[in-house]
Amino acid sequence: MSVAQINNIMSEAQKEAYGDGLDDETLHPYMWICKPHYYSSGFSFYNYPYAFGLLFGKGLYAQYKAGRPNFVEAYNTLLNNTTKMDAKAVAKTMDIDITKKDFWLASLEMIEEEINQFIRLTEK
C-alpha cells in the first residue's frame, strides 16, 4: 500500500469514528505514523492497556462471529459491569477465564487473519 492509500484509510477511519464531531479540515491523515509510542515495545507500562483492550475486544468479537448464543445480552451485561468489577470478574460475566490461554488464542487468530489480509492487499 502506498502512503497516500494509508493516509486515506486513516482519514476515513477518523471520519467514521468522530462523525460530525470532527471537521474535515482537522483530519490528521498521518496519525498512523506520528505516534511512535504505539510502536515502542519498551513502553510496556504504557502499551499494556492498549494490548489488553485490543486482545480482549478481538476475543469477544471471535465469540460473536462463532455464533455464541445470547451474545448481545451477555455483552451488554459485560459493558455494564466494566466500571464495577476488575477485568477477571468482568470477563467471568461472559464465562471467560482470562487466566486461560484459549480465549487469548482466539484473539490472536483474529489478528492473524487481519495480518494475512494486509499481506494479500500489499502483494498486488
Protein backbone atom coordinates (compact mmCIF):
# COMPACT_ATOMS: atom_id res chain seq x y z
CA MET A 1 0.00 0.00 0.00
CA SER A 2 1.20 3.49 -0.73
CA VAL A 3 1.47 6.27 1.82
CA ALA A 4 -1.44 8.02 0.08
CA GLN A 5 -3.61 4.92 0.44
CA ILE A 6 -2.76 4.53 4.13
CA ASN A 7 -3.38 8.26 4.70
CA ASN A 8 -6.78 7.90 3.05
CA ILE A 9 -7.64 4.92 5.28
CA MET A 10 -6.58 6.95 8.34
CA SER A 11 -8.74 9.91 7.30
CA GLU A 12 -11.73 7.67 6.60
CA ALA A 13 -11.28 5.97 9.97
CA GLN A 14 -11.33 9.35 11.69
CA LYS A 15 -14.49 10.34 9.83
CA GLU A 16 -16.15 7.08 10.84
CA ALA A 17 -15.04 7.37 14.47
CA TYR A 18 -15.87 11.04 15.01
CA GLY A 19 -18.71 11.59 12.53
CA ASP A 20 -19.90 15.17 12.51
CA GLY A 21 -17.84 15.90 15.62
CA LEU A 22 -14.67 16.42 13.60
CA ASP A 23 -14.38 18.98 10.82
CA ASP A 24 -12.87 17.55 7.62
CA GLU A 25 -10.28 20.34 7.75
CA THR A 26 -8.88 18.98 11.02
CA LEU A 27 -8.39 15.36 9.92
CA HIS A 28 -4.91 14.04 10.61
CA PRO A 29 -4.01 11.60 7.79
CA TYR A 30 -0.51 10.96 9.16
CA MET A 31 -1.69 9.98 12.65
CA TRP A 32 -0.78 6.35 11.88
CA ILE A 33 2.90 7.23 11.71
CA CYS A 34 3.42 10.21 14.03
CA LYS A 35 2.52 8.43 17.26
CA PRO A 36 5.76 6.49 17.89
CA HIS A 37 4.69 5.31 21.33
CA TYR A 38 2.20 2.96 19.62
CA TYR A 39 5.15 1.01 18.25
CA SER A 40 7.56 1.16 21.20
CA SER A 41 7.64 -2.24 22.83
CA GLY A 42 9.87 -0.86 25.58
CA PHE A 43 6.95 1.15 26.99
CA SER A 44 5.14 -1.90 28.34
CA PHE A 45 3.61 0.12 31.17
CA TYR A 46 2.10 2.40 28.55
CA ASN A 47 1.13 -0.13 25.90
CA TYR A 48 -0.28 -2.84 28.17
CA PRO A 49 -3.78 -1.31 28.40
CA TYR A 50 -3.89 -0.95 24.61
CA ALA A 51 -2.72 -4.52 24.05
CA PHE A 52 -5.06 -5.96 26.67
CA GLY A 53 -8.03 -3.98 25.34
CA LEU A 54 -7.31 -4.94 21.75
CA LEU A 55 -6.91 -8.63 22.51
CA PHE A 56 -9.92 -8.69 24.82
CA GLY A 57 -12.09 -6.99 22.21
CA LYS A 58 -10.84 -9.33 19.47
CA GLY A 59 -11.62 -12.32 21.67
CA LEU A 60 -15.14 -11.07 22.26
CA TYR A 61 -15.58 -10.50 18.54
CA ALA A 62 -14.35 -14.03 17.86
CA GLN A 63 -17.10 -15.33 20.12
CA TYR A 64 -19.66 -13.19 18.32
CA LYS A 65 -18.51 -14.44 14.92
CA ALA A 66 -18.65 -18.02 16.18
CA GLY A 67 -22.35 -17.52 16.90
CA ARG A 68 -22.26 -17.56 20.68
CA PRO A 69 -25.88 -17.74 21.90
CA ASN A 70 -27.23 -14.60 23.60
CA PHE A 71 -24.02 -12.73 22.81
CA VAL A 72 -25.59 -9.27 22.68
CA GLU A 73 -27.31 -9.64 26.06
CA ALA A 74 -24.15 -11.03 27.67
CA TYR A 75 -22.06 -8.27 26.08
CA ASN A 76 -24.39 -5.58 27.42
CA THR A 77 -24.02 -7.09 30.90
CA LEU A 78 -20.25 -7.10 30.49
CA LEU A 79 -20.26 -3.42 29.47
CA ASN A 80 -22.47 -2.54 32.43
CA ASN A 81 -20.01 -4.20 34.80
CA THR A 82 -16.80 -2.65 33.47
CA THR A 83 -16.87 0.19 35.98
CA LYS A 84 -17.87 -2.05 38.88
CA MET A 85 -15.53 -5.05 38.63
CA ASP A 86 -11.95 -5.91 37.80
CA ALA A 87 -11.10 -7.40 34.41
CA LYS A 88 -11.17 -11.01 35.60
CA ALA A 89 -14.63 -10.63 37.15
CA VAL A 90 -15.99 -8.70 34.16
CA ALA A 91 -14.80 -11.43 31.79
CA LYS A 92 -16.36 -14.06 34.03
CA THR A 93 -19.80 -12.50 33.40
CA MET A 94 -19.44 -13.94 29.88
CA ASP A 95 -17.96 -17.22 31.15
CA ILE A 96 -14.50 -16.18 30.01
CA ASP A 97 -11.48 -17.07 32.11
CA ILE A 98 -8.78 -14.60 31.14
CA THR A 99 -6.20 -16.67 33.01
CA LYS A 100 -6.55 -19.44 30.42
CA LYS A 101 -4.90 -19.14 27.04
CA ASP A 102 -7.75 -20.46 24.86
CA PHE A 103 -9.55 -17.11 24.89
CA TRP A 104 -6.37 -15.23 24.02
CA LEU A 105 -5.50 -17.66 21.21
CA ALA A 106 -8.86 -16.90 19.59
CA SER A 107 -7.99 -13.21 19.89
CA LEU A 108 -4.65 -13.74 18.21
CA GLU A 109 -6.29 -15.75 15.42
CA MET A 110 -8.42 -12.69 14.62
CA ILE A 111 -5.27 -10.59 14.38
CA GLU A 112 -3.56 -13.25 12.27
CA GLU A 113 -6.46 -13.07 9.81
CA GLU A 114 -6.04 -9.29 9.58
CA ILE A 115 -2.28 -9.61 9.05
CA ASN A 116 -2.85 -12.14 6.28
CA GLN A 117 -5.40 -9.83 4.67
CA PHE A 118 -2.91 -6.95 4.83
CA ILE A 119 -0.23 -9.12 3.22
CA ARG A 120 -2.63 -10.14 0.43
CA LEU A 121 -3.56 -6.50 -0.19
CA THR A 122 0.05 -5.31 -0.30
CA GLU A 123 1.20 -8.04 -2.66
CA LYS A 124 -0.93 -6.72 -5.52
